[in-house]
């Protein structure tokens, strides 16, 4: 199987752990992605390199989608995506039939969905917020996620066997409104990678690279703000949404045009539902800024 992998991935998998961590720095420069911990990216690469599916688990705004895009880039693999919701159905996964015209004659044509396309083309498939889908929908693709690597298309009765290179990366936000516990049979088909928030120097580098904010003193304050918000979340004082790195980066961008306090209110505070949480975030922000 390793013969099918890109050279950079094969080099990583063929090296010992010490050499693998040296190679990691090269991957960082290639991808532009900053993982919270070095071993997260190496572990994910190792699992995908052995044709195992991975499940990225963590709070919203921790960069799970960016993580998946980075893996797609490093493996030189295109990636088809599924955004799960309660409305996700078999057609959203497998495809659908439609009426078309050929030589002035009406005919039925099947339009393949992301699962069938990724399997046939041997590419990555990204399933975002997998626990937002109805429990009865996802078992349809269980066969694609285990040793069989096959599914039966319910609309055409075609048995599809995944081509070399097909891999599934899924992401999950646990405990959010609209989510359901992931079926154990489905979860057991994944290697789980827990993606925490980034902080410290890594967060500073991310702010410098991904936002328009250049003032060092203000960047330091936003890094401290993030640490304080994460600490409050860990203590159960506010929801994880308040510590979203994505929201923090938006606030950094806005702070280049409007005062930081107002930027924090627009990008972070006004997204929160509870008045108590909004007041707590504002108190932390006003103490810093």
C-alpha atoms as a PDB file:
ATOM      1  CA  UNK A   1       0.000   0.000   0.000  1.00  0.00           C
ATOM      2  CA  UNK A   2       2.835   2.374   0.763  1.00  0.00           C
ATOM      3  CA  UNK A   3       3.835   2.319  -2.906  1.00  0.00           C
ATOM      4  CA  UNK A   4       0.704   4.355  -3.613  1.00  0.00           C
ATOM      5  CA  UNK A   5       1.662   7.137  -1.188  1.00  0.00           C
ATOM      6  CA  UNK A   6       3.411  10.416  -2.059  1.00  0.00           C
ATOM      7  CA  UNK A   7       7.161  10.435  -1.496  1.00  0.00           C
ATOM      8  CA  UNK A   8       6.994  12.820   1.461  1.00  0.00           C
ATOM      9  CA  UNK A   9       4.495  10.605   3.291  1.00  0.00           C
ATOM     10  CA  UNK A  10       6.471   7.429   2.595  1.00  0.00           C
ATOM     11  CA  UNK A  11       9.599   9.050   3.997  1.00  0.00           C
ATOM     12  CA  UNK A  12       7.779   9.921   7.201  1.00  0.00           C
ATOM     13  CA  UNK A  13       6.317   6.436   7.659  1.00  0.00           C
ATOM     14  CA  UNK A  14       9.625   4.725   6.908  1.00  0.00           C
ATOM     15  CA  UNK A  15      11.569   6.783   9.472  1.00  0.00           C
ATOM     16  CA  UNK A  16      11.799   6.242  13.203  1.00  0.00           C
ATOM     17  CA  UNK A  17       9.921   8.548  15.582  1.00  0.00           C
ATOM     18  CA  UNK A  18      12.877  10.910  16.069  1.00  0.00           C
ATOM     19  CA  UNK A  19      13.336  11.396  12.340  1.00  0.00           C
ATOM     20  CA  UNK A  20       9.576  11.718  11.893  1.00  0.00           C
ATOM     21  CA  UNK A  21       9.489  14.728  14.193  1.00  0.00           C
ATOM     22  CA  UNK A  22      12.291  16.325  12.162  1.00  0.00           C
ATOM     23  CA  UNK A  23      10.276  15.805   8.989  1.00  0.00           C
ATOM     24  CA  UNK A  24       7.306  17.378  10.723  1.00  0.00           C
ATOM     25  CA  UNK A  25       8.847  20.864  10.527  1.00  0.00           C
ATOM     26  CA  UNK A  26       9.109  20.486   6.753  1.00  0.00           C
ATOM     27  CA  UNK A  27       5.420  19.579   6.585  1.00  0.00           C
ATOM     28  CA  UNK A  28       4.534  22.676   8.611  1.00  0.00           C
ATOM     29  CA  UNK A  29       6.283  24.942   6.112  1.00  0.00           C
ATOM     30  CA  UNK A  30       4.672  23.080   3.203  1.00  0.00           C
ATOM     31  CA  UNK A  31       1.132  23.341   4.498  1.00  0.00           C
ATOM     32  CA  UNK A  32       1.013  26.560   6.491  1.00  0.00           C
ATOM     33  CA  UNK A  33      -1.027  24.744   9.157  1.00  0.00           C
ATOM     34  CA  UNK A  34      -0.104  25.059  12.835  1.00  0.00           C
ATOM     35  CA  UNK A  35      -1.394  22.058  14.837  1.00  0.00           C
ATOM     36  CA  UNK A  36      -1.827  22.401  18.606  1.00  0.00           C
ATOM     37  CA  UNK A  37       0.670  19.574  19.140  1.00  0.00           C
ATOM     38  CA  UNK A  38       3.263  18.098  16.800  1.00  0.00           C
ATOM     39  CA  UNK A  39       2.192  14.509  17.354  1.00  0.00           C
ATOM     40  CA  UNK A  40      -1.375  15.209  16.192  1.00  0.00           C
ATOM     41  CA  UNK A  41      -0.336  15.718  12.585  1.00  0.00           C
ATOM     42  CA  UNK A  42       2.134  12.819  12.648  1.00  0.00           C
ATOM     43  CA  UNK A  43      -0.473  10.487  14.165  1.00  0.00           C
ATOM     44  CA  UNK A  44      -3.061  11.507  11.581  1.00  0.00           C
ATOM     45  CA  UNK A  45      -0.592  11.022   8.726  1.00  0.00           C
ATOM     46  CA  UNK A  46       0.400   7.610  10.101  1.00  0.00           C
ATOM     47  CA  UNK A  47      -3.223   6.468  10.340  1.00  0.00           C
ATOM     48  CA  UNK A  48      -4.138   7.676   6.838  1.00  0.00           C
ATOM     49  CA  UNK A  49      -0.915   6.169   5.483  1.00  0.00           C
ATOM     50  CA  UNK A  50      -2.172   2.788   6.700  1.00  0.00           C
ATOM     51  CA  UNK A  51      -5.587   3.403   5.040  1.00  0.00           C
ATOM     52  CA  UNK A  52      -7.367   3.974   8.350  1.00  0.00           C
ATOM     53  CA  UNK A  53     -10.141   6.543   8.700  1.00  0.00           C
ATOM     54  CA  UNK A  54      -9.650   9.352  11.214  1.00  0.00           C
ATOM     55  CA  UNK A  55     -12.141  11.283  13.335  1.00  0.00           C
ATOM     56  CA  UNK A  56     -11.100  14.800  14.357  1.00  0.00           C
ATOM     57  CA  UNK A  57     -12.769  15.570  17.681  1.00  0.00           C
ATOM     58  CA  UNK A  58     -12.714  18.948  19.383  1.00  0.00           C
ATOM     59  CA  UNK A  59     -14.529  22.220  20.113  1.00  0.00           C
ATOM     60  CA  UNK A  60     -15.735  24.494  17.350  1.00  0.00           C
ATOM     61  CA  UNK A  61     -13.140  26.876  15.960  1.00  0.00           C
ATOM     62  CA  UNK A  62     -10.106  24.687  16.722  1.00  0.00           C
ATOM     63  CA  UNK A  63      -9.188  24.255  13.064  1.00  0.00           C
ATOM     64  CA  UNK A  64     -10.480  20.753  12.332  1.00  0.00           C
ATOM     65  CA  UNK A  65     -11.411  21.634   8.753  1.00  0.00           C
ATOM     66  CA  UNK A  66      -8.015  23.257   8.210  1.00  0.00           C
ATOM     67  CA  UNK A  67      -6.450  20.100   9.663  1.00  0.00           C
ATOM     68  CA  UNK A  68      -8.320  17.996   7.078  1.00  0.00           C
ATOM     69  CA  UNK A  69      -7.348  20.343   4.236  1.00  0.00           C
ATOM     70  CA  UNK A  70      -3.710  20.103   5.322  1.00  0.00           C
ATOM     71  CA  UNK A  71      -3.819  16.303   5.221  1.00  0.00           C
ATOM     72  CA  UNK A  72      -5.370  16.472   1.751  1.00  0.00           C
ATOM     73  CA  UNK A  73      -2.535  18.770   0.659  1.00  0.00           C
ATOM     74  CA  UNK A  74       0.235  16.640   2.150  1.00  0.00           C
ATOM     75  CA  UNK A  75      -1.132  13.450   0.579  1.00  0.00           C
ATOM     76  CA  UNK A  76      -1.571  15.231  -2.778  1.00  0.00           C
ATOM     77  CA  UNK A  77      -5.200  14.132  -2.671  1.00  0.00           C
ATOM     78  CA  UNK A  78      -8.300  16.018  -3.771  1.00  0.00           C
ATOM     79  CA  UNK A  79     -11.022  15.980  -1.105  1.00  0.00           C
ATOM     80  CA  UNK A  80     -14.788  15.805  -1.514  1.00  0.00           C
ATOM     81  CA  UNK A  81     -16.822  17.178   1.381  1.00  0.00           C
ATOM     82  CA  UNK A  82     -20.121  16.433   3.099  1.00  0.00           C
ATOM     83  CA  UNK A  83     -21.623  18.956   5.517  1.00  0.00           C
ATOM     84  CA  UNK A  84     -23.917  16.993   7.794  1.00  0.00           C
ATOM     85  CA  UNK A  85     -27.284  18.208   9.077  1.00  0.00           C
ATOM     86  CA  UNK A  86     -30.589  16.678  10.106  1.00  0.00           C
ATOM     87  CA  UNK A  87     -31.613  16.966   6.443  1.00  0.00           C
ATOM     88  CA  UNK A  88     -28.754  14.760   5.210  1.00  0.00           C
ATOM     89  CA  UNK A  89     -30.175  11.822   3.272  1.00  0.00           C
ATOM     90  CA  UNK A  90     -28.983   9.002   1.043  1.00  0.00           C
ATOM     91  CA  UNK A  91     -29.078  11.211  -2.042  1.00  0.00           C
ATOM     92  CA  UNK A  92     -26.771  13.725  -0.358  1.00  0.00           C
ATOM     93  CA  UNK A  93     -24.252  10.916   0.131  1.00  0.00           C
ATOM     94  CA  UNK A  94     -24.624   8.691  -2.914  1.00  0.00           C
ATOM     95  CA  UNK A  95     -26.140  10.896  -5.611  1.00  0.00           C
ATOM     96  CA  UNK A  96     -29.494  11.187  -7.349  1.00  0.00           C
ATOM     97  CA  UNK A  97     -31.345  10.435 -10.560  1.00  0.00           C
ATOM     98  CA  UNK A  98     -32.472  13.223 -12.866  1.00  0.00           C
ATOM     99  CA  UNK A  99     -34.049  13.596 -16.311  1.00  0.00           C
ATOM    100  CA  UNK A 100     -31.724  14.663 -19.114  1.00  0.00           C
ATOM    101  CA  UNK A 101     -31.906  14.887 -22.886  1.00  0.00           C
ATOM    102  CA  UNK A 102     -29.599  13.231 -25.387  1.00  0.00           C
ATOM    103  CA  UNK A 103     -30.174  13.315 -29.136  1.00  0.00           C
ATOM    104  CA  UNK A 104     -33.549  14.938 -28.416  1.00  0.00           C
ATOM    105  CA  UNK A 105     -34.553  11.929 -26.322  1.00  0.00           C
ATOM    106  CA  UNK A 106     -35.411  12.061 -22.645  1.00  0.00           C
ATOM    107  CA  UNK A 107     -33.425   9.726 -20.424  1.00  0.00           C
ATOM    108  CA  UNK A 108     -32.694   9.151 -16.752  1.00  0.00           C
ATOM    109  CA  UNK A 109     -29.163   9.981 -15.642  1.00  0.00           C
ATOM    110  CA  UNK A 110     -27.565   9.304 -12.292  1.00  0.00           C
ATOM    111  CA  UNK A 111     -25.563  12.200 -10.818  1.00  0.00           C
ATOM    112  CA  UNK A 112     -22.963  10.758  -8.417  1.00  0.00           C
ATOM    113  CA  UNK A 113     -22.643  12.159  -4.908  1.00  0.00           C
ATOM    114  CA  UNK A 114     -19.512  12.793  -2.848  1.00  0.00           C
ATOM    115  CA  UNK A 115     -19.275   9.225  -1.474  1.00  0.00           C
ATOM    116  CA  UNK A 116     -19.542   7.485  -4.838  1.00  0.00           C
ATOM    117  CA  UNK A 117     -17.211  10.009  -6.497  1.00  0.00           C
ATOM    118  CA  UNK A 118     -14.524   9.814  -3.806  1.00  0.00           C
ATOM    119  CA  UNK A 119     -14.629   6.012  -3.788  1.00  0.00           C
ATOM    120  CA  UNK A 120     -14.403   5.646  -7.561  1.00  0.00           C
ATOM    121  CA  UNK A 121     -11.685   8.280  -7.965  1.00  0.00           C
ATOM    122  CA  UNK A 122      -9.688   7.130  -4.940  1.00  0.00           C
ATOM    123  CA  UNK A 123      -9.647  10.487  -3.146  1.00  0.00           C
ATOM    124  CA  UNK A 124     -10.247  11.756   0.385  1.00  0.00           C
ATOM    125  CA  UNK A 125     -13.777  12.218   1.699  1.00  0.00           C
ATOM    126  CA  UNK A 126     -14.356  14.790   4.464  1.00  0.00           C
ATOM    127  CA  UNK A 127     -17.505  14.438   6.587  1.00  0.00           C
ATOM    128  CA  UNK A 128     -17.967  17.589   8.649  1.00  0.00           C
ATOM    129  CA  UNK A 129     -20.017  17.597  11.877  1.00  0.00           C
ATOM    130  CA  UNK A 130     -20.729  13.901  11.420  1.00  0.00           C
ATOM    131  CA  UNK A 131     -22.852  13.743  14.586  1.00  0.00           C
ATOM    132  CA  UNK A 132     -25.330  16.240  13.139  1.00  0.00           C
ATOM    133  CA  UNK A 133     -26.647  13.588  10.744  1.00  0.00           C
ATOM    134  CA  UNK A 134     -29.638  11.391  11.572  1.00  0.00           C
ATOM    135  CA  UNK A 135     -28.441   8.062  13.058  1.00  0.00           C
ATOM    136  CA  UNK A 136     -30.260   6.077  10.363  1.00  0.00           C
ATOM    137  CA  UNK A 137     -28.464   7.819   7.473  1.00  0.00           C
ATOM    138  CA  UNK A 138     -24.754   7.162   7.991  1.00  0.00           C
ATOM    139  CA  UNK A 139     -24.867   3.334   8.355  1.00  0.00           C
ATOM    140  CA  UNK A 140     -25.375   3.348   4.590  1.00  0.00           C
ATOM    141  CA  UNK A 141     -21.616   3.901   4.200  1.00  0.00           C
ATOM    142  CA  UNK A 142     -20.392   1.562   6.974  1.00  0.00           C
ATOM    143  CA  UNK A 143     -19.066  -0.851   4.376  1.00  0.00           C
ATOM    144  CA  UNK A 144     -16.870   1.877   2.872  1.00  0.00           C
ATOM    145  CA  UNK A 145     -15.323   2.524   6.275  1.00  0.00           C
ATOM    146  CA  UNK A 146     -14.174  -1.003   7.135  1.00  0.00           C
ATOM    147  CA  UNK A 147     -12.135  -3.765   5.519  1.00  0.00           C
ATOM    148  CA  UNK A 148     -14.734  -4.293   2.780  1.00  0.00           C
ATOM    149  CA  UNK A 149     -14.291  -0.785   1.330  1.00  0.00           C
ATOM    150  CA  UNK A 150     -17.502  -1.293  -0.627  1.00  0.00           C
ATOM    151  CA  UNK A 151     -21.034   0.137  -0.666  1.00  0.00           C
ATOM    152  CA  UNK A 152     -24.163  -0.723  -2.607  1.00  0.00           C
ATOM    153  CA  UNK A 153     -25.713   2.300  -4.245  1.00  0.00           C
ATOM    154  CA  UNK A 154     -29.419   2.099  -3.277  1.00  0.00           C
ATOM    155  CA  UNK A 155     -30.430   4.088  -6.370  1.00  0.00           C
ATOM    156  CA  UNK A 156     -28.640   1.985  -8.993  1.00  0.00           C
ATOM    157  CA  UNK A 157     -27.863  -1.282  -7.102  1.00  0.00           C
ATOM    158  CA  UNK A 158     -24.256  -0.835  -8.227  1.00  0.00           C
ATOM    159  CA  UNK A 159     -21.683  -2.333  -5.865  1.00  0.00           C
ATOM    160  CA  UNK A 160     -18.886   0.218  -5.568  1.00  0.00           C
ATOM    161  CA  UNK A 161     -15.434  -0.795  -4.382  1.00  0.00           C
ATOM    162  CA  UNK A 162     -13.152   2.021  -3.307  1.00  0.00           C
ATOM    163  CA  UNK A 163     -10.126   2.701  -5.466  1.00  0.00           C
ATOM    164  CA  UNK A 164      -6.637   2.968  -3.949  1.00  0.00           C
ATOM    165  CA  UNK A 165      -6.221   6.236  -2.098  1.00  0.00           C
ATOM    166  CA  UNK A 166      -9.777   6.474  -0.785  1.00  0.00           C
ATOM    167  CA  UNK A 167      -9.789   7.599   2.843  1.00  0.00           C
ATOM    168  CA  UNK A 168     -12.343   9.197   5.130  1.00  0.00           C
ATOM    169  CA  UNK A 169     -11.677  12.109   7.486  1.00  0.00           C
ATOM    170  CA  UNK A 170     -14.580  13.100   9.722  1.00  0.00           C
ATOM    171  CA  UNK A 171     -14.999  15.915  12.241  1.00  0.00           C
ATOM    172  CA  UNK A 172     -17.183  16.032  15.312  1.00  0.00           C
ATOM    173  CA  UNK A 173     -18.249  18.702  17.824  1.00  0.00           C
ATOM    174  CA  UNK A 174     -19.606  16.949  20.892  1.00  0.00           C
ATOM    175  CA  UNK A 175     -22.357  18.298  23.125  1.00  0.00           C
ATOM    176  CA  UNK A 176     -23.734  20.958  20.775  1.00  0.00           C
ATOM    177  CA  UNK A 177     -27.408  21.608  20.081  1.00  0.00           C
ATOM    178  CA  UNK A 178     -28.625  19.399  17.247  1.00  0.00           C
ATOM    179  CA  UNK A 179     -25.934  16.751  17.667  1.00  0.00           C
ATOM    180  CA  UNK A 180     -26.555  13.118  18.601  1.00  0.00           C
ATOM    181  CA  UNK A 181     -24.187  10.562  20.163  1.00  0.00           C
ATOM    182  CA  UNK A 182     -22.181   8.835  17.459  1.00  0.00           C
ATOM    183  CA  UNK A 183     -23.200   5.236  16.898  1.00  0.00           C
ATOM    184  CA  UNK A 184     -20.561   2.924  18.406  1.00  0.00           C
ATOM    185  CA  UNK A 185     -20.383   0.779  15.267  1.00  0.00           C
ATOM    186  CA  UNK A 186     -19.592   3.932  13.295  1.00  0.00           C
ATOM    187  CA  UNK A 187     -17.133   5.354  15.833  1.00  0.00           C
ATOM    188  CA  UNK A 188     -15.215   2.066  15.933  1.00  0.00           C
ATOM    189  CA  UNK A 189     -14.395   2.502  12.260  1.00  0.00           C
ATOM    190  CA  UNK A 190     -12.241   5.563  13.025  1.00  0.00           C
ATOM    191  CA  UNK A 191      -8.956   6.431  14.681  1.00  0.00           C
ATOM    192  CA  UNK A 192      -9.792   9.382  16.964  1.00  0.00           C
ATOM    193  CA  UNK A 193      -7.592  12.489  16.990  1.00  0.00           C
ATOM    194  CA  UNK A 194      -8.506  14.922  19.786  1.00  0.00           C
ATOM    195  CA  UNK A 195      -7.859  18.472  18.523  1.00  0.00           C
ATOM    196  CA  UNK A 196      -7.538  21.022  21.362  1.00  0.00           C
ATOM    197  CA  UNK A 197      -7.294  24.802  21.169  1.00  0.00           C
ATOM    198  CA  UNK A 198      -3.920  26.279  20.240  1.00  0.00           C
ATOM    199  CA  UNK A 199      -2.304  28.940  22.394  1.00  0.00           C
ATOM    200  CA  UNK A 200       0.909  30.690  23.317  1.00  0.00           C
ATOM    201  CA  UNK A 201       3.511  31.136  20.606  1.00  0.00           C
ATOM    202  CA  UNK A 202       1.534  28.997  18.152  1.00  0.00           C
ATOM    203  CA  UNK A 203      -1.479  31.265  18.459  1.00  0.00           C
ATOM    204  CA  UNK A 204       0.703  34.340  18.116  1.00  0.00           C
ATOM    205  CA  UNK A 205       2.167  32.939  14.865  1.00  0.00           C
ATOM    206  CA  UNK A 206      -1.328  32.158  13.594  1.00  0.00           C
ATOM    207  CA  UNK A 207      -2.542  35.694  14.306  1.00  0.00           C
ATOM    208  CA  UNK A 208       0.485  37.118  12.506  1.00  0.00           C
ATOM    209  CA  UNK A 209       0.026  34.873   9.459  1.00  0.00           C
ATOM    210  CA  UNK A 210      -3.775  34.767   9.145  1.00  0.00           C
ATOM    211  CA  UNK A 211      -4.927  38.254  10.182  1.00  0.00           C
ATOM    212  CA  UNK A 212      -4.118  41.883   9.364  1.00  0.00           C
ATOM    213  CA  UNK A 213      -3.093  42.630  12.937  1.00  0.00           C
ATOM    214  CA  UNK A 214       0.594  43.611  13.185  1.00  0.00           C
ATOM    215  CA  UNK A 215       0.881  45.502  16.478  1.00  0.00           C
ATOM    216  CA  UNK A 216       2.872  43.229  18.799  1.00  0.00           C
ATOM    217  CA  UNK A 217       1.384  44.583  22.022  1.00  0.00           C
ATOM    218  CA  UNK A 218      -2.170  44.043  20.786  1.00  0.00           C
ATOM    219  CA  UNK A 219      -1.325  40.553  19.548  1.00  0.00           C
ATOM    220  CA  UNK A 220       0.002  39.701  23.012  1.00  0.00           C
ATOM    221  CA  UNK A 221      -3.271  40.885  24.553  1.00  0.00           C
ATOM    222  CA  UNK A 222      -5.341  38.723  22.195  1.00  0.00           C
ATOM    223  CA  UNK A 223      -3.179  35.689  23.028  1.00  0.00           C
ATOM    224  CA  UNK A 224      -3.804  36.378  26.732  1.00  0.00           C
ATOM    225  CA  UNK A 225      -7.518  36.866  26.046  1.00  0.00           C
ATOM    226  CA  UNK A 226      -7.675  33.467  24.350  1.00  0.00           C
ATOM    227  CA  UNK A 227      -5.927  31.783  27.284  1.00  0.00           C
ATOM    228  CA  UNK A 228      -8.340  33.387  29.765  1.00  0.00           C
ATOM    229  CA  UNK A 229     -11.377  32.353  27.717  1.00  0.00           C
ATOM    230  CA  UNK A 230     -10.155  28.755  27.404  1.00  0.00           C
ATOM    231  CA  UNK A 231      -9.550  28.687  31.168  1.00  0.00           C
ATOM    232  CA  UNK A 232     -13.118  29.906  31.772  1.00  0.00           C
ATOM    233  CA  UNK A 233     -14.467  27.216  29.448  1.00  0.00           C
ATOM    234  CA  UNK A 234     -12.452  24.537  31.284  1.00  0.00           C
ATOM    235  CA  UNK A 235     -13.976  25.745  34.552  1.00  0.00           C
ATOM    236  CA  UNK A 236     -17.472  25.428  33.105  1.00  0.00           C
ATOM    237  CA  UNK A 237     -18.167  29.155  33.289  1.00  0.00           C
ATOM    238  CA  UNK A 238     -19.026  29.545  29.610  1.00  0.00           C
ATOM    239  CA  UNK A 239     -19.698  27.589  26.448  1.00  0.00           C
ATOM    240  CA  UNK A 240     -16.888  26.479  24.139  1.00  0.00           C
ATOM    241  CA  UNK A 241     -18.116  28.904  21.473  1.00  0.00           C
ATOM    242  CA  UNK A 242     -16.668  31.767  23.521  1.00  0.00           C
ATOM    243  CA  UNK A 243     -13.135  30.420  23.082  1.00  0.00           C
ATOM    244  CA  UNK A 244     -13.385  29.739  19.345  1.00  0.00           C
ATOM    245  CA  UNK A 245     -10.063  30.459  17.665  1.00  0.00           C
ATOM    246  CA  UNK A 246     -11.947  31.323  14.470  1.00  0.00           C
ATOM    247  CA  UNK A 247     -13.892  34.018  16.315  1.00  0.00           C
ATOM    248  CA  UNK A 248     -10.724  35.310  17.947  1.00  0.00           C
ATOM    249  CA  UNK A 249      -9.042  35.723  14.545  1.00  0.00           C
ATOM    250  CA  UNK A 250     -12.068  37.682  13.337  1.00  0.00           C
ATOM    251  CA  UNK A 251     -11.733  39.962  16.351  1.00  0.00           C
ATOM    252  CA  UNK A 252      -8.041  40.478  15.572  1.00  0.00           C
ATOM    253  CA  UNK A 253      -8.882  41.507  12.021  1.00  0.00           C
ATOM    254  CA  UNK A 254     -11.625  43.892  13.133  1.00  0.00           C
ATOM    255  CA  UNK A 255      -9.332  45.474  15.718  1.00  0.00           C
ATOM    256  CA  UNK A 256      -7.223  46.939  12.922  1.00  0.00           C
ATOM    257  CA  UNK A 257     -10.178  49.184  11.995  1.00  0.00           C
ATOM    258  CA  UNK A 258     -12.204  49.573  15.188  1.00  0.00           C
ATOM    259  CA  UNK A 259     -11.248  49.543  18.914  1.00  0.00           C
ATOM    260  CA  UNK A 260     -10.392  46.032  20.196  1.00  0.00           C
ATOM    261  CA  UNK A 261     -13.215  46.029  22.755  1.00  0.00           C
ATOM    262  CA  UNK A 262     -15.791  46.639  20.015  1.00  0.00           C
ATOM    263  CA  UNK A 263     -14.112  44.062  17.807  1.00  0.00           C
ATOM    264  CA  UNK A 264     -14.368  41.479  20.592  1.00  0.00           C
ATOM    265  CA  UNK A 265     -18.029  42.347  21.137  1.00  0.00           C
ATOM    266  CA  UNK A 266     -18.876  41.887  17.449  1.00  0.00           C
ATOM    267  CA  UNK A 267     -16.791  38.776  16.781  1.00  0.00           C
ATOM    268  CA  UNK A 268     -17.188  36.896  20.094  1.00  0.00           C
ATOM    269  CA  UNK A 269     -19.601  38.345  22.636  1.00  0.00           C
ATOM    270  CA  UNK A 270     -22.663  38.915  20.437  1.00  0.00           C
ATOM    271  CA  UNK A 271     -22.580  35.268  19.328  1.00  0.00           C
ATOM    272  CA  UNK A 272     -23.214  34.018  22.869  1.00  0.00           C
ATOM    273  CA  UNK A 273     -26.757  33.245  23.978  1.00  0.00           C
ATOM    274  CA  UNK A 274     -26.523  33.759  27.724  1.00  0.00           C
ATOM    275  CA  UNK A 275     -26.212  37.235  29.223  1.00  0.00           C
ATOM    276  CA  UNK A 276     -24.023  35.855  32.012  1.00  0.00           C
ATOM    277  CA  UNK A 277     -21.501  34.553  29.485  1.00  0.00           C
ATOM    278  CA  UNK A 278     -21.520  37.797  27.513  1.00  0.00           C
ATOM    279  CA  UNK A 279     -20.813  39.796  30.660  1.00  0.00           C
ATOM    280  CA  UNK A 280     -17.986  37.477  31.676  1.00  0.00           C
ATOM    281  CA  UNK A 281     -16.253  37.761  28.287  1.00  0.00           C
ATOM    282  CA  UNK A 282     -16.606  41.553  28.330  1.00  0.00           C
ATOM    283  CA  UNK A 283     -15.184  41.720  31.859  1.00  0.00           C
ATOM    284  CA  UNK A 284     -12.153  39.698  30.793  1.00  0.00           C
ATOM    285  CA  UNK A 285     -11.691  41.809  27.659  1.00  0.00           C
ATOM    286  CA  UNK A 286     -12.052  45.115  29.493  1.00  0.00           C
ATOM    287  CA  UNK A 287      -9.477  44.012  32.074  1.00  0.00           C
ATOM    288  CA  UNK A 288      -6.957  43.359  29.313  1.00  0.00           C
ATOM    289  CA  UNK A 289      -7.731  46.145  26.853  1.00  0.00           C
END
